[in-house]
Amino acid sequence: MRDAVIVSTARTPIGKAYRGAFNATTPQAL
């Protein structure tokens, strides 16, 4: 069985923006 591995936690400018949809969301939650 294969395990899923997160290689990168890059966040888009849309998500990081002050009024972005995920501005208060941590990378772990995503």
Protein backbone atom coordinates (compact mmCIF):
# COMPACT_ATOMS: atom_id res chain seq x y z
CA MET A 1 0.00 0.00 0.00
CA ARG A 2 1.31 3.43 -0.92
CA ASP A 3 1.33 6.37 1.45
CA ALA A 4 0.41 9.84 0.26
CA VAL A 5 3.23 12.34 0.75
CA ILE A 6 2.96 16.11 0.48
CA VAL A 7 6.02 17.28 -1.43
CA SER A 8 5.33 21.00 -1.50
CA THR A 9 3.08 23.36 0.44
CA ALA A 10 3.12 26.22 -2.02
CA ARG A 11 0.31 28.69 -1.51
CA THR A 12 -1.10 30.82 -4.28
CA PRO A 13 -1.20 34.64 -3.99
CA ILE A 14 -5.00 34.36 -4.07
CA GLY A 15 -4.93 32.21 -0.97
CA LYS A 16 -2.31 34.35 0.79
CA ALA A 17 -3.95 37.69 0.05
CA TYR A 18 -5.34 39.73 2.95
CA ARG A 19 -8.90 39.15 1.75
CA GLY A 20 -8.14 35.75 0.20
CA ALA A 21 -10.39 32.76 0.70
CA PHE A 22 -7.73 30.93 2.72
CA ASN A 23 -5.99 33.86 4.40
CA ALA A 24 -6.58 32.44 7.90
CA THR A 25 -6.07 28.81 6.93
CA THR A 26 -2.83 27.09 7.88
CA PRO A 27 -0.95 25.00 5.31
CA GLN A 28 -1.56 21.92 7.47
CA ALA A 29 -5.33 22.41 7.23
CA LEU A 30 -5.14 22.57 3.44
